[in-house]
Amino acid sequence: LFIFVSLMAGIVYSEPINILVYSTTKPESVYKKSIDNVIAENLNKTDKISAKPVHDNKSVLTENNLEKYDALFLVHSPGIGQATEKTIVSMVESGKLGLVTSHDALRNNEHIRKLIGMTKMYTDYIDEQTIWTVLPDHPIAEGVQDTFVLKPGQPYITFTVSSDVDMIFKGKSTKDKDLNVGWARSPGQGRTFNFCPEHETFAHYNEPN
């Protein structure tokens, strides 16, 4: 909730924030349903948000359809296509759409990576991650513990994060002691937030933090 309230900061809403949650991941045993359904169900627990899950249907990522929403949550959706990426980038930079990305939303989506302030990434292992809040006063950090553990998980290690991001969460694994975990960026008139750790075979979206 606080992520999307922060994305929409400065805008007064008399109705719930409308969010499209999109993924291409098949349902896994840890979730029973696809990740987009799980995220939308959790978001819809508050009357301040109206979240719609969509699974593996890129036709919903057109400008005409995205104009119906205040924000887009891309999770595990690699390679959505350059034309689709450019549409999202244009809408975010013009302030028409807030954007949250997680996990494989960044793989083979170079324009999205640039938009959120990441230039390179890699991952090659599954590991427990300790995560801590480095900007506790940021609205996105509200309600999150100072330190918490995700186990196991697939950390996405960033080679380069642009200097104009607000790094809200940092972390470490047994292999890497300095992980950029979650950050916000304001490209143009827009707002974005990216959270790196996650894996479709582990139920991290059931983690309260």
Protein backbone atom coordinates (compact mmCIF):
# COMPACT_ATOMS: atom_id res chain seq x y z
CA LEU A 1 0.00 0.00 0.00
CA PHE A 2 2.68 2.51 1.01
CA ILE A 3 4.53 1.88 -2.26
CA PHE A 4 1.56 2.94 -4.33
CA VAL A 5 0.59 5.83 -2.05
CA SER A 6 4.15 7.10 -2.47
CA LEU A 7 4.00 6.65 -6.25
CA MET A 8 0.82 8.69 -6.35
CA ALA A 9 2.06 11.34 -3.88
CA GLY A 10 0.64 14.77 -4.53
CA ILE A 11 -2.46 13.40 -6.23
CA VAL A 12 -5.76 13.46 -4.36
CA TYR A 13 -7.95 10.42 -4.95
CA SER A 14 -11.59 10.09 -4.02
CA GLU A 15 -11.60 6.52 -5.35
CA PRO A 16 -9.20 3.58 -4.89
CA ILE A 17 -5.85 3.60 -6.71
CA ASN A 18 -6.24 1.36 -9.77
CA ILE A 19 -3.34 -1.02 -10.30
CA LEU A 20 -2.62 -3.54 -13.04
CA VAL A 21 -0.53 -6.47 -11.78
CA TYR A 22 1.13 -8.30 -14.65
CA SER A 23 3.29 -11.45 -14.80
CA THR A 24 4.06 -14.30 -17.17
CA THR A 25 4.97 -16.88 -14.52
CA LYS A 26 3.09 -20.15 -14.44
CA PRO A 27 1.34 -21.02 -11.16
CA GLU A 28 3.73 -22.71 -8.73
CA SER A 29 2.99 -25.06 -5.86
CA VAL A 30 4.08 -22.45 -3.30
CA TYR A 31 1.37 -20.07 -4.47
CA LYS A 32 -1.29 -22.34 -6.04
CA LYS A 33 -2.21 -19.38 -8.22
CA SER A 34 -0.05 -17.21 -10.46
CA ILE A 35 2.03 -14.52 -8.74
CA ASP A 36 -0.08 -11.73 -10.21
CA ASN A 37 -3.17 -13.19 -8.51
CA VAL A 38 -1.38 -13.48 -5.16
CA ILE A 39 -0.12 -9.88 -5.30
CA ALA A 40 -3.51 -8.52 -6.36
CA GLU A 41 -5.28 -10.40 -3.58
CA ASN A 42 -2.91 -8.92 -1.00
CA LEU A 43 -3.26 -5.41 -2.41
CA ASN A 44 -7.04 -5.68 -2.47
CA LYS A 45 -7.12 -6.25 1.29
CA THR A 46 -7.24 -2.47 1.62
CA ASP A 47 -10.10 -0.40 0.24
CA LYS A 48 -7.58 2.21 -0.92
CA ILE A 49 -6.45 -0.01 -3.78
CA SER A 50 -8.22 -1.80 -6.61
CA ALA A 51 -5.77 -4.27 -8.17
CA LYS A 52 -6.43 -6.36 -11.26
CA PRO A 53 -4.21 -9.40 -12.01
CA VAL A 54 -3.42 -10.26 -15.62
CA HIS A 55 -1.41 -13.29 -16.61
CA ASP A 56 0.66 -13.53 -19.80
CA ASN A 57 -1.48 -11.34 -22.05
CA LYS A 58 0.59 -8.50 -23.49
CA SER A 59 -2.46 -6.96 -25.15
CA VAL A 60 -3.25 -5.31 -21.80
CA LEU A 61 0.05 -3.39 -21.93
CA THR A 62 -1.08 -1.03 -24.68
CA GLU A 63 -1.38 2.69 -23.99
CA ASN A 64 -5.15 2.62 -24.47
CA ASN A 65 -5.53 -0.01 -21.77
CA LEU A 66 -2.88 1.32 -19.39
CA GLU A 67 -4.63 4.69 -19.36
CA LYS A 68 -7.30 3.02 -17.23
CA TYR A 69 -4.79 2.52 -14.40
CA ASP A 70 -2.85 4.70 -11.99
CA ALA A 71 0.05 2.26 -11.63
CA LEU A 72 1.53 -0.88 -13.16
CA PHE A 73 3.18 -3.67 -11.15
CA LEU A 74 5.45 -5.73 -13.42
CA VAL A 75 6.65 -8.94 -11.81
CA HIS A 76 8.45 -11.82 -13.51
CA SER A 77 7.71 -10.62 -17.02
CA PRO A 78 10.96 -10.85 -19.00
CA GLY A 79 11.13 -9.75 -22.61
CA ILE A 80 7.84 -7.89 -22.99
CA GLY A 81 9.10 -6.34 -26.24
CA GLN A 82 10.71 -3.01 -27.05
CA ALA A 83 7.53 -1.39 -28.36
CA THR A 84 5.69 -2.28 -25.13
CA GLU A 85 8.63 -1.11 -23.04
CA LYS A 86 8.73 2.25 -24.83
CA THR A 87 5.00 2.72 -24.25
CA ILE A 88 5.43 2.13 -20.52
CA VAL A 89 8.51 4.37 -20.33
CA SER A 90 6.69 7.21 -22.09
CA MET A 91 3.66 6.96 -19.83
CA VAL A 92 5.77 6.83 -16.66
CA GLU A 93 8.03 9.73 -17.64
CA SER A 94 5.01 11.88 -18.49
CA GLY A 95 3.46 11.18 -15.07
CA LYS A 96 0.51 9.20 -16.46
CA LEU A 97 1.50 5.91 -14.79
CA GLY A 98 3.36 4.85 -11.65
CA LEU A 99 5.58 1.75 -11.98
CA VAL A 100 6.67 -0.99 -9.57
CA THR A 101 9.04 -3.70 -10.79
CA SER A 102 10.27 -6.89 -9.16
CA HIS A 103 12.44 -9.88 -10.01
CA ASP A 104 12.36 -10.87 -13.70
CA ALA A 105 10.52 -7.74 -14.79
CA LEU A 106 14.03 -6.48 -15.56
CA ARG A 107 15.45 -9.37 -17.59
CA ASN A 108 15.58 -8.62 -21.33
CA ASN A 109 13.73 -5.35 -20.69
CA GLU A 110 16.56 -2.85 -21.20
CA HIS A 111 14.34 0.23 -21.49
CA ILE A 112 12.59 -0.61 -18.20
CA ARG A 113 15.96 -1.13 -16.50
CA LYS A 114 17.15 2.28 -17.67
CA LEU A 115 13.90 3.86 -16.51
CA ILE A 116 14.28 2.58 -12.95
CA GLY A 117 17.99 3.42 -12.80
CA MET A 118 19.64 0.03 -13.30
CA THR A 119 22.03 -0.64 -16.16
CA LYS A 120 23.26 -4.18 -15.56
CA MET A 121 22.21 -7.15 -13.47
CA TYR A 122 23.02 -10.79 -12.89
CA THR A 123 22.16 -13.68 -10.62
CA ASP A 124 23.53 -17.16 -10.46
CA TYR A 125 22.51 -18.61 -7.13
CA ILE A 126 19.77 -19.12 -4.56
CA ASP A 127 20.56 -17.86 -1.08
CA GLU A 128 19.17 -16.44 2.14
CA GLN A 129 19.11 -12.65 2.17
CA THR A 130 19.20 -10.27 5.11
CA ILE A 131 17.56 -6.97 4.22
CA TRP A 132 17.62 -3.71 6.15
CA THR A 133 16.04 -0.30 5.74
CA VAL A 134 18.46 2.54 5.01
CA LEU A 135 15.82 5.26 4.49
CA PRO A 136 13.35 4.55 7.32
CA ASP A 137 11.58 7.90 6.84
CA HIS A 138 10.74 7.20 3.21
CA PRO A 139 6.98 6.54 2.74
CA ILE A 140 7.70 3.18 1.08
CA ALA A 141 9.53 2.02 4.22
CA GLU A 142 6.55 2.71 6.47
CA GLY A 143 5.51 -0.42 8.35
CA VAL A 144 8.61 -2.40 7.29
CA GLN A 145 10.90 -3.83 9.96
CA ASP A 146 14.36 -2.30 10.26
CA THR A 147 15.86 -5.71 9.40
CA PHE A 148 14.26 -8.90 8.09
CA VAL A 149 15.31 -12.12 6.36
CA LEU A 150 14.10 -13.68 3.11
CA LYS A 151 15.01 -17.33 2.80
CA PRO A 152 15.72 -18.75 0.40
CA GLY A 153 15.73 -16.37 -2.54
CA GLN A 154 17.38 -15.33 -5.76
CA PRO A 155 19.23 -12.05 -5.29
CA TYR A 156 19.63 -9.85 -8.33
CA ILE A 157 23.04 -8.25 -8.03
CA THR A 158 23.25 -4.83 -9.65
CA PHE A 159 26.52 -3.73 -11.25
CA THR A 160 25.36 -0.15 -11.73
CA VAL A 161 22.56 1.87 -10.16
CA SER A 162 22.22 5.49 -11.26
CA SER A 163 23.15 8.22 -8.79
CA ASP A 164 19.67 9.78 -8.81
CA VAL A 165 17.86 6.96 -7.02
CA ASP A 166 16.66 6.87 -3.40
CA MET A 167 18.12 3.63 -2.05
CA ILE A 168 15.56 2.51 0.53
CA PHE A 169 16.64 -1.09 1.20
CA LYS A 170 20.07 -2.73 1.20
CA GLY A 171 20.99 -6.31 1.91
CA LYS A 172 23.52 -9.12 1.98
CA SER A 173 23.74 -12.82 1.22
CA THR A 174 26.40 -15.36 2.13
CA LYS A 175 28.17 -14.57 -1.16
CA ASP A 176 27.59 -10.84 -1.54
CA LYS A 177 27.83 -8.44 1.39
CA ASP A 178 26.54 -5.29 -0.29
CA LEU A 179 23.32 -5.73 -2.28
CA ASN A 180 21.19 -2.93 -3.69
CA VAL A 181 17.76 -4.29 -2.81
CA GLY A 182 15.04 -1.69 -3.24
CA TRP A 183 15.03 1.87 -4.57
CA ALA A 184 12.79 4.60 -5.87
CA ARG A 185 13.45 6.90 -8.82
CA SER A 186 11.58 9.85 -10.33
CA PRO A 187 12.23 9.86 -14.09
CA GLY A 188 10.75 12.95 -15.70
CA GLN A 189 7.38 13.57 -14.06
CA GLY A 190 7.00 9.92 -13.03
CA ARG A 191 7.74 7.69 -10.06
CA THR A 192 9.11 4.16 -9.95
CA PHE A 193 10.08 1.59 -7.33
CA ASN A 194 12.11 -1.60 -7.82
CA PHE A 195 12.58 -4.46 -5.36
CA CYS A 196 15.16 -7.03 -6.46
CA PRO A 197 14.83 -10.22 -4.36
CA GLU A 198 12.20 -12.78 -5.23
CA HIS A 199 11.75 -16.08 -7.00
CA GLU A 200 8.62 -17.65 -8.41
CA THR A 201 9.31 -20.93 -6.61
CA PHE A 202 9.53 -19.31 -3.16
CA ALA A 203 6.60 -17.65 -1.43
CA HIS A 204 8.20 -14.26 -0.75
CA TYR A 205 4.98 -12.42 -1.52
CA ASN A 206 3.55 -14.03 1.61
CA GLU A 207 6.27 -12.31 3.68
CA PRO A 208 4.56 -9.57 5.75
CA ASN A 209 7.30 -7.00 5.13
